[in-house]
C-alpha atoms as a PDB file:
ATOM      1  CA  MET A   1     -14.758   3.906   8.303  1.00  0.00           C
ATOM      2  CA  PHE A   2     -16.465   3.055   4.975  1.00  0.00           C
ATOM      3  CA  ARG A   3     -14.878   1.840   1.727  1.00  0.00           C
ATOM      4  CA  GLU A   4     -16.321   0.850  -1.633  1.00  0.00           C
ATOM      5  CA  ALA A   5     -15.137  -1.133  -4.639  1.00  0.00           C
ATOM      6  CA  LYS A   6     -16.721  -2.161  -7.929  1.00  0.00           C
ATOM      7  CA  MET A   7     -15.605  -5.755  -7.454  1.00  0.00           C
ATOM      8  CA  GLY A   8     -14.919  -7.849  -4.376  1.00  0.00           C
ATOM      9  CA  ILE A   9     -13.399 -11.177  -3.477  1.00  0.00           C
ATOM     10  CA  TYR A  10     -15.457 -14.041  -2.129  1.00  0.00           C
ATOM     11  CA  PHE A  11     -13.301 -16.058   0.234  1.00  0.00           C
ATOM     12  CA  ASN A  12     -14.997 -18.594   2.482  1.00  0.00           C
ATOM     13  CA  SER A  13     -12.508 -18.488   5.337  1.00  0.00           C
ATOM     14  CA  SER A  14     -12.487 -17.017   8.840  1.00  0.00           C
ATOM     15  CA  ASN A  15      -8.744 -17.544   9.291  1.00  0.00           C
ATOM     16  CA  GLU A  16      -7.440 -14.012   9.892  1.00  0.00           C
ATOM     17  CA  THR A  17      -3.821 -14.989   9.184  1.00  0.00           C
ATOM     18  CA  ILE A  18      -4.708 -16.211   5.693  1.00  0.00           C
ATOM     19  CA  LEU A  19      -6.998 -13.233   5.063  1.00  0.00           C
ATOM     20  CA  PHE A  20      -4.350 -10.756   6.185  1.00  0.00           C
ATOM     21  CA  LYS A  21      -1.684 -12.408   4.045  1.00  0.00           C
ATOM     22  CA  ALA A  22      -4.028 -12.429   1.046  1.00  0.00           C
ATOM     23  CA  GLU A  23      -4.571  -8.682   1.428  1.00  0.00           C
ATOM     24  CA  CYS A  24      -0.818  -8.109   1.778  1.00  0.00           C
ATOM     25  CA  LEU A  25      -0.168 -10.003  -1.459  1.00  0.00           C
ATOM     26  CA  LEU A  26      -2.909  -8.048  -3.227  1.00  0.00           C
ATOM     27  CA  TYR A  27      -1.781  -4.609  -1.973  1.00  0.00           C
ATOM     28  CA  PRO A  28       0.807  -3.825  -4.692  1.00  0.00           C
ATOM     29  CA  LEU A  29      -1.528  -5.102  -7.411  1.00  0.00           C
ATOM     30  CA  LEU A  30      -4.416  -2.952  -6.135  1.00  0.00           C
ATOM     31  CA  ASN A  31      -2.453   0.285  -5.909  1.00  0.00           C
ATOM     32  CA  TYR A  32      -1.902  -0.330  -2.190  1.00  0.00           C
ATOM     33  CA  THR A  33      -5.563  -0.330  -1.260  1.00  0.00           C
ATOM     34  CA  PRO A  34      -7.265  -3.147   0.671  1.00  0.00           C
ATOM     35  CA  ALA A  35      -9.535  -5.486  -1.247  1.00  0.00           C
ATOM     36  CA  ILE A  36     -13.096  -5.926  -0.029  1.00  0.00           C
ATOM     37  CA  ILE A  37     -13.409  -9.568   1.001  1.00  0.00           C
ATOM     38  CA  THR A  38     -16.974 -10.761   1.425  1.00  0.00           C
ATOM     39  CA  PRO A  39     -18.413 -13.889   3.092  1.00  0.00           C
ATOM     40  CA  VAL A  40     -21.091 -14.197   0.378  1.00  0.00           C
ATOM     41  CA  LYS A  41     -20.670 -14.753  -3.361  1.00  0.00           C
ATOM     42  CA  THR A  42     -22.466 -12.197  -5.508  1.00  0.00           C
ATOM     43  CA  SER A  43     -22.524 -11.160  -9.167  1.00  0.00           C
ATOM     44  CA  ASN A  44     -19.649  -8.697  -8.571  1.00  0.00           C
ATOM     45  CA  THR A  45     -17.272 -11.011  -6.719  1.00  0.00           C
ATOM     46  CA  VAL A  46     -14.507 -13.341  -7.843  1.00  0.00           C
ATOM     47  CA  THR A  47     -13.945 -16.516  -5.849  1.00  0.00           C
ATOM     48  CA  MET A  48     -10.612 -17.039  -4.096  1.00  0.00           C
ATOM     49  CA  LEU A  49      -9.658 -20.674  -3.499  1.00  0.00           C
ATOM     50  CA  LEU A  50      -7.262 -21.927  -0.845  1.00  0.00           C
ATOM     51  CA  ASN A  51      -4.660 -24.516  -1.929  1.00  0.00           C
ATOM     52  CA  PRO A  52      -6.540 -25.873  -4.979  1.00  0.00           C
ATOM     53  CA  SER A  53      -5.171 -28.799  -6.977  1.00  0.00           C
ATOM     54  CA  ILE A  54      -6.151 -27.156 -10.266  1.00  0.00           C
ATOM     55  CA  VAL A  55      -5.542 -23.501 -11.190  1.00  0.00           C
ATOM     56  CA  ASP A  56      -7.762 -21.993 -13.895  1.00  0.00           C
ATOM     57  CA  GLU A  57      -8.822 -18.575 -15.180  1.00  0.00           C
ATOM     58  CA  ASN A  58     -12.130 -18.552 -13.300  1.00  0.00           C
ATOM     59  CA  ASN A  59     -10.771 -18.026  -9.787  1.00  0.00           C
ATOM     60  CA  ILE A  60      -8.044 -16.402  -7.731  1.00  0.00           C
ATOM     61  CA  GLU A  61      -5.892 -18.936  -5.900  1.00  0.00           C
ATOM     62  CA  ILE A  62      -3.895 -18.480  -2.702  1.00  0.00           C
ATOM     63  CA  PHE A  63      -1.506 -21.041  -1.231  1.00  0.00           C
ATOM     64  CA  ASN A  64      -0.364 -21.103   2.384  1.00  0.00           C
ATOM     65  CA  GLU A  65       1.519 -24.367   1.990  1.00  0.00           C
ATOM     66  CA  SER A  66       3.748 -26.088  -0.541  1.00  0.00           C
ATOM     67  CA  LYS A  67       1.602 -27.647  -3.222  1.00  0.00           C
ATOM     68  CA  ASN A  68       1.866 -29.489  -6.510  1.00  0.00           C
ATOM     69  CA  ALA A  69      -0.889 -28.132  -8.726  1.00  0.00           C
ATOM     70  CA  THR A  70      -2.004 -28.347 -12.338  1.00  0.00           C
ATOM     71  CA  ILE A  71      -2.294 -24.951 -14.051  1.00  0.00           C
ATOM     72  CA  LEU A  72      -4.616 -24.902 -17.048  1.00  0.00           C
ATOM     73  CA  GLN A  73      -4.073 -22.965 -20.267  1.00  0.00           C
ATOM     74  CA  GLY A  74      -4.180 -19.193 -19.822  1.00  0.00           C
ATOM     75  CA  SER A  75      -2.334 -16.073 -18.725  1.00  0.00           C
ATOM     76  CA  TYR A  76      -1.689 -15.397 -15.041  1.00  0.00           C
ATOM     77  CA  ILE A  77      -0.166 -12.940 -12.585  1.00  0.00           C
ATOM     78  CA  ILE A  78       1.724 -14.594  -9.779  1.00  0.00           C
ATOM     79  CA  ASP A  79       2.794 -12.927  -6.537  1.00  0.00           C
ATOM     80  CA  HIS A  80       5.097 -14.856  -4.243  1.00  0.00           C
ATOM     81  CA  ASN A  81       5.837 -12.841  -1.083  1.00  0.00           C
ATOM     82  CA  GLY A  82       5.949  -9.564  -3.011  1.00  0.00           C
ATOM     83  CA  SER A  83       7.794 -10.883  -6.060  1.00  0.00           C
ATOM     84  CA  ILE A  84       5.357 -10.290  -8.937  1.00  0.00           C
ATOM     85  CA  SER A  85       5.624 -11.846 -12.398  1.00  0.00           C
ATOM     86  CA  THR A  86       3.393 -12.926 -15.278  1.00  0.00           C
ATOM     87  CA  PHE A  87       3.331 -16.107 -17.328  1.00  0.00           C
ATOM     88  CA  SER A  88       1.244 -17.719 -20.041  1.00  0.00           C
ATOM     89  CA  LEU A  89       0.607 -21.370 -20.812  1.00  0.00           C
ATOM     90  CA  SER A  90      -0.548 -22.800 -24.133  1.00  0.00           C
ATOM     91  CA  GLY A  91      -1.496 -26.039 -22.365  1.00  0.00           C
ATOM     92  CA  GLU A  92      -1.839 -27.384 -18.864  1.00  0.00           C
ATOM     93  CA  GLU A  93       1.275 -27.804 -16.783  1.00  0.00           C
ATOM     94  CA  ASN A  94       2.105 -29.302 -13.401  1.00  0.00           C
ATOM     95  CA  ILE A  95       4.171 -27.025 -11.145  1.00  0.00           C
ATOM     96  CA  SER A  96       5.307 -26.886  -7.542  1.00  0.00           C
ATOM     97  CA  ILE A  97       3.940 -23.832  -5.730  1.00  0.00           C
ATOM     98  CA  LYS A  98       5.577 -22.325  -2.667  1.00  0.00           C
ATOM     99  CA  PRO A  99       3.727 -21.102   0.442  1.00  0.00           C
ATOM    100  CA  TRP A 100       2.217 -17.592   0.384  1.00  0.00           C
ATOM    101  CA  THR A 101       1.736 -17.422  -3.332  1.00  0.00           C
ATOM    102  CA  ILE A 102      -1.294 -15.859  -4.965  1.00  0.00           C
ATOM    103  CA  ILE A 103      -2.229 -16.496  -8.602  1.00  0.00           C
ATOM    104  CA  ILE A 104      -4.607 -14.157 -10.448  1.00  0.00           C
ATOM    105  CA  PRO A 105      -5.952 -14.694 -13.983  1.00  0.00           C
ATOM    106  CA  ASN A 106      -4.639 -11.952 -16.244  1.00  0.00           C
ATOM    107  CA  ASP A 107      -8.121 -11.452 -17.755  1.00  0.00           C
ATOM    108  CA  ILE A 108      -9.470 -10.156 -14.445  1.00  0.00           C
ATOM    109  CA  ASN A 109      -9.580  -6.370 -14.278  1.00  0.00           C
ATOM    110  CA  ILE A 110      -7.792  -5.990 -10.968  1.00  0.00           C
ATOM    111  CA  ARG A 111      -8.328  -2.203 -11.002  1.00  0.00           C
ATOM    112  CA  GLU A 112     -11.987  -2.882 -10.232  1.00  0.00           C
ATOM    113  CA  PHE A 113     -10.881  -4.423  -6.923  1.00  0.00           C
ATOM    114  CA  GLU A 114      -9.278  -1.178  -5.756  1.00  0.00           C
ATOM    115  CA  SER A 115     -11.219   0.267  -2.852  1.00  0.00           C
ATOM    116  CA  ILE A 116     -11.554   3.918  -1.897  1.00  0.00           C
ATOM    117  CA  PRO A 117     -12.769   5.648   1.301  1.00  0.00           C
ATOM    118  CA  ILE A 118     -16.220   7.201   0.944  1.00  0.00           C
ATOM    119  CA  ASN A 119     -17.961  10.027   2.769  1.00  0.00           C
ATOM    120  CA  PHE A 120     -20.753   9.408   5.230  1.00  0.00           C
ATOM    121  CA  SER A 121     -22.868  11.298   7.732  1.00  0.00           C
ATOM    122  CA  PHE A 122     -24.198  10.184  11.097  1.00  0.00           C
ATOM    123  CA  ASN A 123     -27.527  11.109  12.640  1.00  0.00           C
ATOM    124  CA  GLN A 124     -26.881  10.603  16.331  1.00  0.00           C
ATOM    125  CA  PHE A 125     -30.523  11.003  17.337  1.00  0.00           C
ATOM    126  CA  MET A 126     -31.634   8.216  14.955  1.00  0.00           C
ATOM    127  CA  ALA A 127     -28.382   6.218  15.258  1.00  0.00           C
ATOM    128  CA  GLU A 128     -28.212   6.143  11.447  1.00  0.00           C
ATOM    129  CA  PHE A 129     -25.328   6.289   8.971  1.00  0.00           C
ATOM    130  CA  SER A 130     -25.881   7.698   5.469  1.00  0.00           C
ATOM    131  CA  VAL A 131     -23.164   6.602   3.039  1.00  0.00           C
ATOM    132  CA  ASN A 132     -22.440   8.401  -0.241  1.00  0.00           C
ATOM    133  CA  ASN A 133     -21.540   5.389  -2.365  1.00  0.00           C
ATOM    134  CA  ASN A 134     -21.879   4.376  -6.008  1.00  0.00           C
ATOM    135  CA  PRO A 135     -24.857   2.160  -6.905  1.00  0.00           C
ATOM    136  CA  GLY A 136     -23.955  -1.459  -7.582  1.00  0.00           C
ATOM    137  CA  TYR A 137     -20.710  -1.269  -5.598  1.00  0.00           C
ATOM    138  CA  LEU A 138     -19.692  -3.322  -2.584  1.00  0.00           C
ATOM    139  CA  VAL A 139     -19.344  -1.350   0.646  1.00  0.00           C
ATOM    140  CA  GLU A 140     -17.285  -2.374   3.668  1.00  0.00           C
ATOM    141  CA  THR A 141     -17.143  -0.745   7.083  1.00  0.00           C
ATOM    142  CA  SER A 142     -14.682  -1.048   9.953  1.00  0.00           C
ATOM    143  CA  LEU A 143     -17.312   0.179  12.430  1.00  0.00           C
ATOM    144  CA  PRO A 144     -18.058  -2.379  15.184  1.00  0.00           C
ATOM    145  CA  LEU A 145     -21.748  -2.662  14.291  1.00  0.00           C
ATOM    146  CA  PRO A 146     -23.788  -5.190  16.298  1.00  0.00           C
ATOM    147  CA  TYR A 147     -24.147  -8.449  14.377  1.00  0.00           C
ATOM    148  CA  GLY A 148     -27.772  -8.891  13.339  1.00  0.00           C
ATOM    149  CA  GLY A 149     -28.665  -5.617  15.039  1.00  0.00           C
ATOM    150  CA  ILE A 150     -28.821  -3.268  12.047  1.00  0.00           C
ATOM    151  CA  ILE A 151     -31.386  -2.160   9.471  1.00  0.00           C
ATOM    152  CA  VAL A 152     -30.226  -1.481   5.889  1.00  0.00           C
ATOM    153  CA  ASN A 153     -32.004   0.664   3.306  1.00  0.00           C
ATOM    154  CA  ASN A 154     -31.049   0.956  -0.395  1.00  0.00           C
ATOM    155  CA  GLY A 155     -28.904  -2.125  -0.070  1.00  0.00           C
ATOM    156  CA  LYS A 156     -28.349  -5.428   1.671  1.00  0.00           C
ATOM    157  CA  ALA A 157     -26.020  -6.644   4.420  1.00  0.00           C
ATOM    158  CA  LEU A 158     -24.048  -9.654   3.186  1.00  0.00           C
ATOM    159  CA  GLY A 159     -22.703 -10.399   6.642  1.00  0.00           C
ATOM    160  CA  VAL A 160     -19.371 -10.137   8.429  1.00  0.00           C
ATOM    161  CA  ASN A 161     -16.099 -11.226   6.833  1.00  0.00           C
ATOM    162  CA  GLY A 162     -13.214 -12.923   8.605  1.00  0.00           C
ATOM    163  CA  PHE A 163     -11.973  -9.561   9.925  1.00  0.00           C
ATOM    164  CA  GLY A 164     -15.332  -8.881  11.584  1.00  0.00           C
ATOM    165  CA  GLN A 165     -16.164  -6.146   9.048  1.00  0.00           C
ATOM    166  CA  TYR A 166     -19.679  -5.754   7.664  1.00  0.00           C
ATOM    167  CA  VAL A 167     -19.968  -5.955   3.870  1.00  0.00           C
ATOM    168  CA  PHE A 168     -22.967  -4.566   1.965  1.00  0.00           C
ATOM    169  CA  THR A 169     -24.308  -4.456  -1.552  1.00  0.00           C
ATOM    170  CA  SER A 170     -25.806  -1.098  -2.395  1.00  0.00           C
ATOM    171  CA  ASP A 171     -28.267   0.553  -4.746  1.00  0.00           C
ATOM    172  CA  GLY A 172     -26.704   3.936  -3.951  1.00  0.00           C
ATOM    173  CA  LYS A 173     -27.036   6.235  -0.934  1.00  0.00           C
ATOM    174  CA  LEU A 174     -26.839   3.368   1.526  1.00  0.00           C
ATOM    175  CA  THR A 175     -28.344   3.966   4.973  1.00  0.00           C
ATOM    176  CA  ILE A 176     -27.497   1.807   7.967  1.00  0.00           C
ATOM    177  CA  SER A 177     -29.314   2.229  11.263  1.00  0.00           C
ATOM    178  CA  ILE A 178     -28.967   0.393  14.551  1.00  0.00           C
ATOM    179  CA  LYS A 179     -32.110  -1.423  15.640  1.00  0.00           C
ATOM    180  CA  LEU A 180     -33.920   0.461  18.417  1.00  0.00           C
ATOM    181  CA  GLY A 181     -31.267   3.133  18.012  1.00  0.00           C
ATOM    182  CA  PHE A 182     -33.812   5.944  18.524  1.00  0.00           C
ATOM    183  CA  ILE A 183     -35.009   4.454  21.817  1.00  0.00           C
ATOM    184  CA  THR A 184     -31.471   3.691  22.936  1.00  0.00           C
ATOM    185  CA  ASP A 185     -30.355   7.237  22.155  1.00  0.00           C
ATOM    186  CA  LEU A 186     -33.402   8.639  23.955  1.00  0.00           C
ATOM    187  CA  LEU A 187     -32.634   6.549  27.045  1.00  0.00           C
ATOM    188  CA  MET A 188     -28.968   7.579  26.975  1.00  0.00           C
ATOM    189  CA  THR A 189     -29.988  11.233  26.658  1.00  0.00           C
ATOM    190  CA  ALA A 190     -32.382  10.846  29.601  1.00  0.00           C
ATOM    191  CA  VAL A 191     -29.619   9.248  31.675  1.00  0.00           C
ATOM    192  CA  ASP A 192     -27.254  12.091  30.748  1.00  0.00           C
ATOM    193  CA  ILE A 193     -29.839  14.690  31.808  1.00  0.00           C
ATOM    194  CA  PHE A 194     -30.430  12.837  35.080  1.00  0.00           C
ATOM    195  CA  PHE A 195     -26.738  12.820  35.975  1.00  0.00           C
ATOM    196  CA  TYR A 196     -26.336  16.466  34.958  1.00  0.00           C
ATOM    197  CA  ALA A 197     -29.262  17.312  37.251  1.00  0.00           C
ATOM    198  CA  LEU A 198     -27.647  15.392  40.107  1.00  0.00           C
ATOM    199  CA  PHE A 199     -24.385  17.241  39.511  1.00  0.00           C
ATOM    200  CA  ILE A 200     -26.112  20.616  39.537  1.00  0.00           C
ATOM    201  CA  TYR A 201     -28.053  19.774  42.698  1.00  0.00           C
ATOM    202  CA  PHE A 202     -25.222  18.327  44.781  1.00  0.00           C
ATOM    203  CA  PHE A 203     -22.209  20.298  43.588  1.00  0.00           C
ATOM    204  CA  VAL A 204     -23.716  23.600  42.520  1.00  0.00           C
ATOM    205  CA  TYR A 205     -26.929  24.172  44.450  1.00  0.00           C
ATOM    206  CA  LYS A 206     -26.053  22.555  47.778  1.00  0.00           C
ATOM    207  CA  ASN A 207     -22.409  23.648  47.955  1.00  0.00           C
ATOM    208  CA  ILE A 208     -22.636  27.131  46.441  1.00  0.00           C
ATOM    209  CA  PHE A 209     -26.150  28.534  46.551  1.00  0.00           C
ATOM    210  CA  LYS A 210     -27.025  27.001  49.877  1.00  0.00           C
ATOM    211  CA  GLY A 211     -23.733  28.170  51.393  1.00  0.00           C
ATOM    212  CA  LEU A 212     -24.244  31.621  49.895  1.00  0.00           C
ATOM    213  CA  GLY A 213     -27.785  31.811  51.298  1.00  0.00           C
ATOM    214  CA  THR A 214     -26.563  30.802  54.746  1.00  0.00           C
ATOM    215  CA  GLU A 215     -23.855  33.443  54.609  1.00  0.00           C
ATOM    216  CA  VAL A 216     -26.363  36.152  53.619  1.00  0.00           C
ATOM    217  CA  PHE A 217     -28.678  35.095  56.436  1.00  0.00           C
ATOM    218  CA  ARG A 218     -25.796  35.266  58.936  1.00  0.00           C
ATOM    219  CA  ASN A 219     -24.836  38.741  57.728  1.00  0.00           C
ATOM    220  CA  VAL A 220     -28.435  39.979  58.167  1.00  0.00           C
ATOM    221  CA  ILE A 221     -28.575  38.593  61.733  1.00  0.00           C
ATOM    222  CA  THR A 222     -25.203  40.162  62.556  1.00  0.00           C
ATOM    223  CA  ARG A 223     -26.249  43.591  61.283  1.00  0.00           C
ATOM    224  CA  ILE A 224     -29.537  43.478  63.206  1.00  0.00           C
ATOM    225  CA  SER A 225     -27.656  42.563  66.357  1.00  0.00           C
ATOM    226  CA  ARG A 226     -25.255  45.471  65.866  1.00  0.00           C
ATOM    227  CA  LEU A 227     -28.157  47.899  65.351  1.00  0.00           C
ATOM    228  CA  LYS A 228     -29.751  46.736  68.581  1.00  0.00           C
ATOM    229  CA  SER A 229     -26.482  47.165  70.493  1.00  0.00           C
ATOM    230  CA  TYR A 230     -26.172  50.767  69.262  1.00  0.00           C
ATOM    231  CA  LYS A 231     -29.560  51.521  70.760  1.00  0.00           C
END
């Protein structure tokens, strides 16, 4: 429901196929945990570029097509469809890159991209989630929260990524409430009480108590009639 990570990936794409493939390529590198991909660049995100012509140590690059690219000096981790290797260049080099390849600078601490599930509580009456997260971390939720219809305390909503998941920055103990959630919950409770009352009236009172009262009345009339006949 809620996950957090110290670092996230900024990827300006809504293409779910590319996003899903990027996560698949990152899985083995991130100890088989999903990366938090955010639609907004922040101080704790690394930019992922799609099919760049130049590869450097400042970004993560993903390719979904064959590409001739120039790789600048540096050390890199390369993952092509699950085949992971490392290489270093003392100078720039032009190479041909195959589709579904991801290149990560070796200087990036990829362990900081590992995400973990975090505990939360839900106040149904206030329609509010309280999340027990680390301050300064990115938080992602798979809950289908209404877009633009939430209030965030101790943090900030960065928006929805390409998977439709909300991503937040947090100062710790993040709280997320649905706008007008109290009123909505109150109305839903009132509607529930109304239908319970209807059920009790029609199916309990009318069918049982009314029938029982009629039967008692009939028994009293019958007994009175029998007493009169004995006289």
